[in-house]
Amino acid sequence: MFDEKEYMKKWDKANRKKCAKESPWYSHFISARGRCYPSGKYFKRGIKFFLTKEDAKFLWFRDSASKLKEPSIDRIDNKGNYELSNCRFIELEENRKPKPVLQFSKNGDLIREYKSYGEVVRIFKKRNPKICDVANGKIGCFTAMGYVWRWKSELGDCRKIPKVGFVIHNKGKKLVNGRFIWNAITTYLQQPTEH
C-alpha cells in the first residue's frame, strides 16, 4: 500500500539536501524571516524583515560565509531591522557570545555589572525573561524584578543613567507616569563631560 506521508518525508528530506547545496543562504534567510513574524521573538520589539533572497545571497558571498564553520546571519545594530546595510554573516559562536548586562536602580544608579544574563539567573536563582525585554528596550517594559536593566554594549562605561525623563512612580503594582527614555541616555552619553 502507498504511504503518502512517508513518501513526502523522503521527498522533503532529499529536496532539503539539494536546496542546501545549491542555495546554502536560503535556510538562514527563512530563519531570520521567521523571527520577525508575529509569533517570532523580534516582532514585539518592532524589528522588521526587509531582506530579499537576492540580498541574502549577496551577503553570503560578500562575507565568504561558505568558509565559516557555522555561518549565522547577524544584525550589526541589535536594535535595527533585517536589511542589507545592517546584516552580515559571522560565526554562530561569535553571534552567541554572552553579553554583559548592567543592573540599575529605579533612580538610575548603577548597582552591578553581570557577565551575562545567565549569571543574573544564577545569582537571583530565578529565570526572568523580562530582564532581556527591558534590556532590549521592548515596548512597555521598563523594569524587571524592581530594577532597570541594560546591555553594557549599548551604554558603554557609564556609572549612572541620566535622570532626564527617568522618574518612575509606583502606585501599587502599576507603572504610572514615568518612562525610561532611551534618547535621553544616548544624547547624554554623546555630550562631552565637564571636568
C-alpha atoms as a PDB file:
ATOM      1  CA  MET A   1       0.000   0.000   0.000  1.00  0.00           C
ATOM      2  CA  PHE A   2       1.231   3.518  -0.862  1.00  0.00           C
ATOM      3  CA  ASP A   3       2.047   5.648   2.210  1.00  0.00           C
ATOM      4  CA  GLU A   4       1.799   9.278   1.136  1.00  0.00           C
ATOM      5  CA  LYS A   5       3.179  10.701   4.417  1.00  0.00           C
ATOM      6  CA  GLU A   6       6.280   8.527   4.246  1.00  0.00           C
ATOM      7  CA  TYR A   7       6.816   9.427   0.592  1.00  0.00           C
ATOM      8  CA  MET A   8       6.527  13.179   1.367  1.00  0.00           C
ATOM      9  CA  LYS A   9       9.023  12.868   4.246  1.00  0.00           C
ATOM     10  CA  LYS A  10      11.599  11.237   1.959  1.00  0.00           C
ATOM     11  CA  TRP A  11      10.911  13.708  -0.833  1.00  0.00           C
ATOM     12  CA  ASP A  12      11.190  16.681   1.562  1.00  0.00           C
ATOM     13  CA  LYS A  13      14.440  15.366   3.065  1.00  0.00           C
ATOM     14  CA  ALA A  14      16.001  14.841  -0.371  1.00  0.00           C
ATOM     15  CA  ASN A  15      14.971  18.305  -1.578  1.00  0.00           C
ATOM     16  CA  ARG A  16      16.266  19.998   1.560  1.00  0.00           C
ATOM     17  CA  LYS A  17      19.697  18.492   0.972  1.00  0.00           C
ATOM     18  CA  LYS A  18      19.602  19.560  -2.678  1.00  0.00           C
ATOM     19  CA  CYS A  19      18.493  23.087  -1.729  1.00  0.00           C
ATOM     20  CA  ALA A  20      21.169  23.302   0.983  1.00  0.00           C
ATOM     21  CA  LYS A  21      23.858  22.534  -1.616  1.00  0.00           C
ATOM     22  CA  GLU A  22      22.515  24.860  -4.301  1.00  0.00           C
ATOM     23  CA  SER A  23      21.376  27.737  -2.041  1.00  0.00           C
ATOM     24  CA  PRO A  24      23.017  27.470   1.396  1.00  0.00           C
ATOM     25  CA  TRP A  25      21.956  31.031   2.314  1.00  0.00           C
ATOM     26  CA  TYR A  26      18.264  30.223   1.899  1.00  0.00           C
ATOM     27  CA  SER A  27      17.844  28.421   5.253  1.00  0.00           C
ATOM     28  CA  HIS A  28      19.370  31.434   7.064  1.00  0.00           C
ATOM     29  CA  PHE A  29      17.038  33.735   5.132  1.00  0.00           C
ATOM     30  CA  ILE A  30      13.979  31.670   6.186  1.00  0.00           C
ATOM     31  CA  SER A  31      15.086  31.501   9.847  1.00  0.00           C
ATOM     32  CA  ALA A  32      15.686  35.253  10.070  1.00  0.00           C
ATOM     33  CA  ARG A  33      12.346  35.984   8.399  1.00  0.00           C
ATOM     34  CA  GLY A  34      10.579  33.685  10.879  1.00  0.00           C
ATOM     35  CA  ARG A  35      11.965  35.662  13.835  1.00  0.00           C
ATOM     36  CA  CYS A  36      10.080  38.726  12.564  1.00  0.00           C
ATOM     37  CA  TYR A  37       6.672  37.038  12.167  1.00  0.00           C
ATOM     38  CA  PRO A  38       4.003  37.945  14.755  1.00  0.00           C
ATOM     39  CA  SER A  39       4.804  34.674  16.541  1.00  0.00           C
ATOM     40  CA  GLY A  40       8.581  35.371  16.350  1.00  0.00           C
ATOM     41  CA  LYS A  41      10.734  36.784  19.132  1.00  0.00           C
ATOM     42  CA  TYR A  42      11.599  40.054  17.318  1.00  0.00           C
ATOM     43  CA  PHE A  43       8.080  41.099  16.311  1.00  0.00           C
ATOM     44  CA  LYS A  44       7.197  42.689  19.675  1.00  0.00           C
ATOM     45  CA  ARG A  45      10.495  44.581  19.651  1.00  0.00           C
ATOM     46  CA  GLY A  46       9.474  46.210  16.372  1.00  0.00           C
ATOM     47  CA  ILE A  47      12.245  44.611  14.303  1.00  0.00           C
ATOM     48  CA  LYS A  48      11.182  44.209  10.687  1.00  0.00           C
ATOM     49  CA  PHE A  49      12.464  41.989   7.893  1.00  0.00           C
ATOM     50  CA  PHE A  50      13.397  43.769   4.638  1.00  0.00           C
ATOM     51  CA  LEU A  51      15.893  41.298   3.146  1.00  0.00           C
ATOM     52  CA  THR A  52      15.203  39.589  -0.159  1.00  0.00           C
ATOM     53  CA  LYS A  53      16.553  36.216  -1.270  1.00  0.00           C
ATOM     54  CA  GLU A  54      18.965  38.075  -3.544  1.00  0.00           C
ATOM     55  CA  ASP A  55      20.184  40.174  -0.580  1.00  0.00           C
ATOM     56  CA  ALA A  56      20.834  37.005   1.440  1.00  0.00           C
ATOM     57  CA  LYS A  57      22.753  35.519  -1.486  1.00  0.00           C
ATOM     58  CA  PHE A  58      24.788  38.724  -1.858  1.00  0.00           C
ATOM     59  CA  LEU A  59      25.640  38.725   1.881  1.00  0.00           C
ATOM     60  CA  TRP A  60      26.622  35.054   1.702  1.00  0.00           C
ATOM     61  CA  PHE A  61      29.225  35.691  -0.996  1.00  0.00           C
ATOM     62  CA  ARG A  62      30.327  39.116   0.295  1.00  0.00           C
ATOM     63  CA  ASP A  63      31.128  37.706   3.755  1.00  0.00           C
ATOM     64  CA  SER A  64      32.532  34.412   2.380  1.00  0.00           C
ATOM     65  CA  ALA A  65      30.093  32.523   4.588  1.00  0.00           C
ATOM     66  CA  SER A  66      30.905  29.221   2.865  1.00  0.00           C
ATOM     67  CA  LYS A  67      34.343  29.379   4.541  1.00  0.00           C
ATOM     68  CA  LEU A  68      32.821  29.726   8.022  1.00  0.00           C
ATOM     69  CA  LYS A  69      32.377  26.627  10.218  1.00  0.00           C
ATOM     70  CA  GLU A  70      28.806  27.517  11.231  1.00  0.00           C
ATOM     71  CA  PRO A  71      27.612  30.667   9.453  1.00  0.00           C
ATOM     72  CA  SER A  72      24.943  32.754  11.151  1.00  0.00           C
ATOM     73  CA  ILE A  73      23.176  35.877   9.941  1.00  0.00           C
ATOM     74  CA  ASP A  74      23.723  38.783  12.329  1.00  0.00           C
ATOM     75  CA  ARG A  75      22.283  42.276  12.657  1.00  0.00           C
ATOM     76  CA  ILE A  76      25.131  44.758  13.161  1.00  0.00           C
ATOM     77  CA  ASP A  77      22.890  47.160  15.088  1.00  0.00           C
ATOM     78  CA  ASN A  78      20.946  44.985  17.528  1.00  0.00           C
ATOM     79  CA  LYS A  79      18.017  47.392  17.512  1.00  0.00           C
ATOM     80  CA  GLY A  80      17.980  47.700  13.717  1.00  0.00           C
ATOM     81  CA  ASN A  81      15.934  45.816  11.151  1.00  0.00           C
ATOM     82  CA  TYR A  82      16.970  42.949   8.920  1.00  0.00           C
ATOM     83  CA  GLU A  83      18.104  44.928   5.894  1.00  0.00           C
ATOM     84  CA  LEU A  84      21.088  44.723   3.590  1.00  0.00           C
ATOM     85  CA  SER A  85      23.006  47.582   5.223  1.00  0.00           C
ATOM     86  CA  ASN A  86      22.549  46.110   8.734  1.00  0.00           C
ATOM     87  CA  CYS A  87      23.249  42.408   8.157  1.00  0.00           C
ATOM     88  CA  ARG A  88      26.294  40.194   7.843  1.00  0.00           C
ATOM     89  CA  PHE A  89      27.265  36.537   8.131  1.00  0.00           C
ATOM     90  CA  ILE A  90      29.503  35.651  11.091  1.00  0.00           C
ATOM     91  CA  GLU A  91      30.371  32.512  13.033  1.00  0.00           C
ATOM     92  CA  LEU A  92      27.482  31.194  15.121  1.00  0.00           C
ATOM     93  CA  GLU A  93      29.791  31.013  18.151  1.00  0.00           C
ATOM     94  CA  GLU A  94      30.570  34.732  17.850  1.00  0.00           C
ATOM     95  CA  ASN A  95      26.879  35.549  17.427  1.00  0.00           C
ATOM     96  CA  ARG A  96      26.028  33.633  20.619  1.00  0.00           C
ATOM     97  CA  LYS A  97      28.662  35.266  22.847  1.00  0.00           C
ATOM     98  CA  PRO A  98      27.235  36.243  26.224  1.00  0.00           C
ATOM     99  CA  LYS A  99      26.574  39.953  26.530  1.00  0.00           C
ATOM    100  CA  PRO A 100      27.364  41.784  29.783  1.00  0.00           C
ATOM    101  CA  VAL A 101      24.260  43.243  31.418  1.00  0.00           C
ATOM    102  CA  LEU A 102      24.079  46.238  33.783  1.00  0.00           C
ATOM    103  CA  GLN A 103      21.674  46.485  36.718  1.00  0.00           C
ATOM    104  CA  PHE A 104      20.437  49.975  37.685  1.00  0.00           C
ATOM    105  CA  SER A 105      18.188  51.194  40.473  1.00  0.00           C
ATOM    106  CA  LYS A 106      14.953  52.954  39.544  1.00  0.00           C
ATOM    107  CA  ASN A 107      16.802  56.229  40.257  1.00  0.00           C
ATOM    108  CA  GLY A 108      19.329  55.404  37.556  1.00  0.00           C
ATOM    109  CA  ASP A 109      22.285  54.453  39.780  1.00  0.00           C
ATOM    110  CA  LEU A 110      24.453  51.540  38.670  1.00  0.00           C
ATOM    111  CA  ILE A 111      24.187  48.669  41.135  1.00  0.00           C
ATOM    112  CA  ARG A 112      26.160  45.902  39.491  1.00  0.00           C
ATOM    113  CA  GLU A 113      27.551  44.569  36.227  1.00  0.00           C
ATOM    114  CA  TYR A 114      26.960  40.913  35.317  1.00  0.00           C
ATOM    115  CA  LYS A 115      28.928  38.908  32.735  1.00  0.00           C
ATOM    116  CA  SER A 116      25.717  37.680  31.106  1.00  0.00           C
ATOM    117  CA  TYR A 117      22.013  37.077  31.601  1.00  0.00           C
ATOM    118  CA  GLY A 118      22.992  33.545  32.709  1.00  0.00           C
ATOM    119  CA  GLU A 119      24.945  34.988  35.641  1.00  0.00           C
ATOM    120  CA  VAL A 120      21.892  37.040  36.682  1.00  0.00           C
ATOM    121  CA  VAL A 121      19.826  33.830  36.700  1.00  0.00           C
ATOM    122  CA  ARG A 122      22.447  32.009  38.807  1.00  0.00           C
ATOM    123  CA  ILE A 123      22.713  34.810  41.376  1.00  0.00           C
ATOM    124  CA  PHE A 124      18.990  35.533  41.703  1.00  0.00           C
ATOM    125  CA  LYS A 125      18.199  31.786  41.427  1.00  0.00           C
ATOM    126  CA  LYS A 126      15.330  32.764  39.181  1.00  0.00           C
ATOM    127  CA  ARG A 127      14.867  32.889  35.408  1.00  0.00           C
ATOM    128  CA  ASN A 128      13.107  36.080  34.341  1.00  0.00           C
ATOM    129  CA  PRO A 129      12.813  36.698  30.584  1.00  0.00           C
ATOM    130  CA  LYS A 130      11.502  40.182  31.303  1.00  0.00           C
ATOM    131  CA  ILE A 131      15.091  41.219  32.141  1.00  0.00           C
ATOM    132  CA  CYS A 132      16.029  40.682  28.481  1.00  0.00           C
ATOM    133  CA  ASP A 133      12.870  42.503  27.364  1.00  0.00           C
ATOM    134  CA  VAL A 134      13.824  45.526  29.490  1.00  0.00           C
ATOM    135  CA  ALA A 135      17.461  45.418  28.320  1.00  0.00           C
ATOM    136  CA  ASN A 136      16.331  45.186  24.695  1.00  0.00           C
ATOM    137  CA  GLY A 137      14.021  48.176  25.128  1.00  0.00           C
ATOM    138  CA  LYS A 138      10.844  46.216  24.395  1.00  0.00           C
ATOM    139  CA  ILE A 139       7.815  48.474  24.188  1.00  0.00           C
ATOM    140  CA  GLY A 140       6.031  48.656  27.542  1.00  0.00           C
ATOM    141  CA  CYS A 141       8.861  47.055  29.548  1.00  0.00           C
ATOM    142  CA  PHE A 142      10.550  49.466  31.933  1.00  0.00           C
ATOM    143  CA  THR A 143      11.673  47.388  34.914  1.00  0.00           C
ATOM    144  CA  ALA A 144      12.143  43.747  35.874  1.00  0.00           C
ATOM    145  CA  MET A 145      12.456  42.476  39.440  1.00  0.00           C
ATOM    146  CA  GLY A 146      12.396  46.105  40.607  1.00  0.00           C
ATOM    147  CA  TYR A 147      15.448  47.176  38.576  1.00  0.00           C
ATOM    148  CA  VAL A 148      16.289  48.694  35.224  1.00  0.00           C
ATOM    149  CA  TRP A 149      18.493  46.502  33.010  1.00  0.00           C
ATOM    150  CA  ARG A 150      20.644  47.497  30.012  1.00  0.00           C
ATOM    151  CA  TRP A 151      23.196  45.697  27.831  1.00  0.00           C
ATOM    152  CA  LYS A 152      26.653  47.093  28.534  1.00  0.00           C
ATOM    153  CA  SER A 153      27.481  47.217  24.811  1.00  0.00           C
ATOM    154  CA  GLU A 154      24.719  49.789  24.318  1.00  0.00           C
ATOM    155  CA  LEU A 155      25.636  52.051  27.226  1.00  0.00           C
ATOM    156  CA  GLY A 156      29.405  51.745  27.424  1.00  0.00           C
ATOM    157  CA  ASP A 157      31.147  52.553  30.702  1.00  0.00           C
ATOM    158  CA  CYS A 158      28.581  54.685  32.473  1.00  0.00           C
ATOM    159  CA  ARG A 159      28.057  54.589  36.219  1.00  0.00           C
ATOM    160  CA  LYS A 160      24.677  56.226  36.193  1.00  0.00           C
ATOM    161  CA  ILE A 161      21.741  56.522  33.833  1.00  0.00           C
ATOM    162  CA  PRO A 162      20.857  60.197  33.393  1.00  0.00           C
ATOM    163  CA  LYS A 163      17.656  61.090  35.210  1.00  0.00           C
ATOM    164  CA  VAL A 164      16.330  63.156  32.296  1.00  0.00           C
ATOM    165  CA  GLY A 165      12.823  61.815  31.864  1.00  0.00           C
ATOM    166  CA  PHE A 166      13.538  58.914  34.172  1.00  0.00           C
ATOM    167  CA  VAL A 167      11.255  59.085  37.147  1.00  0.00           C
ATOM    168  CA  ILE A 168       9.223  56.007  37.892  1.00  0.00           C
ATOM    169  CA  HIS A 169       6.327  56.370  40.266  1.00  0.00           C
ATOM    170  CA  ASN A 170       4.861  53.175  41.621  1.00  0.00           C
ATOM    171  CA  LYS A 171       1.238  53.131  42.590  1.00  0.00           C
ATOM    172  CA  GLY A 172       0.512  49.632  43.753  1.00  0.00           C
ATOM    173  CA  LYS A 173       1.891  47.344  41.081  1.00  0.00           C
ATOM    174  CA  LYS A 174       1.146  49.557  38.112  1.00  0.00           C
ATOM    175  CA  LEU A 175       3.693  51.772  36.456  1.00  0.00           C
ATOM    176  CA  VAL A 176       2.199  55.232  36.350  1.00  0.00           C
ATOM    177  CA  ASN A 177       3.518  58.407  34.806  1.00  0.00           C
ATOM    178  CA  GLY A 178       7.113  57.518  34.163  1.00  0.00           C
ATOM    179  CA  ARG A 179       9.175  56.039  31.425  1.00  0.00           C
ATOM    180  CA  PHE A 180      12.728  55.171  30.562  1.00  0.00           C
ATOM    181  CA  ILE A 181      13.652  57.498  27.726  1.00  0.00           C
ATOM    182  CA  TRP A 182      16.333  55.892  25.578  1.00  0.00           C
ATOM    183  CA  ASN A 183      17.009  59.049  23.538  1.00  0.00           C
ATOM    184  CA  ALA A 184      17.845  60.924  26.717  1.00  0.00           C
ATOM    185  CA  ILE A 185      20.537  58.351  27.509  1.00  0.00           C
ATOM    186  CA  THR A 186      22.128  58.354  24.080  1.00  0.00           C
ATOM    187  CA  THR A 187      22.078  62.158  23.985  1.00  0.00           C
ATOM    188  CA  TYR A 188      23.603  62.280  27.468  1.00  0.00           C
ATOM    189  CA  LEU A 189      26.359  59.816  26.569  1.00  0.00           C
ATOM    190  CA  GLN A 190      27.287  61.731  23.419  1.00  0.00           C
ATOM    191  CA  GLN A 191      27.731  65.018  25.293  1.00  0.00           C
ATOM    192  CA  PRO A 192      31.293  65.864  26.401  1.00  0.00           C
ATOM    193  CA  THR A 193      31.805  65.529  30.141  1.00  0.00           C
ATOM    194  CA  GLU A 194      32.913  68.519  32.196  1.00  0.00           C
ATOM    195  CA  HIS A 195      35.964  68.176  34.444  1.00  0.00           C
END
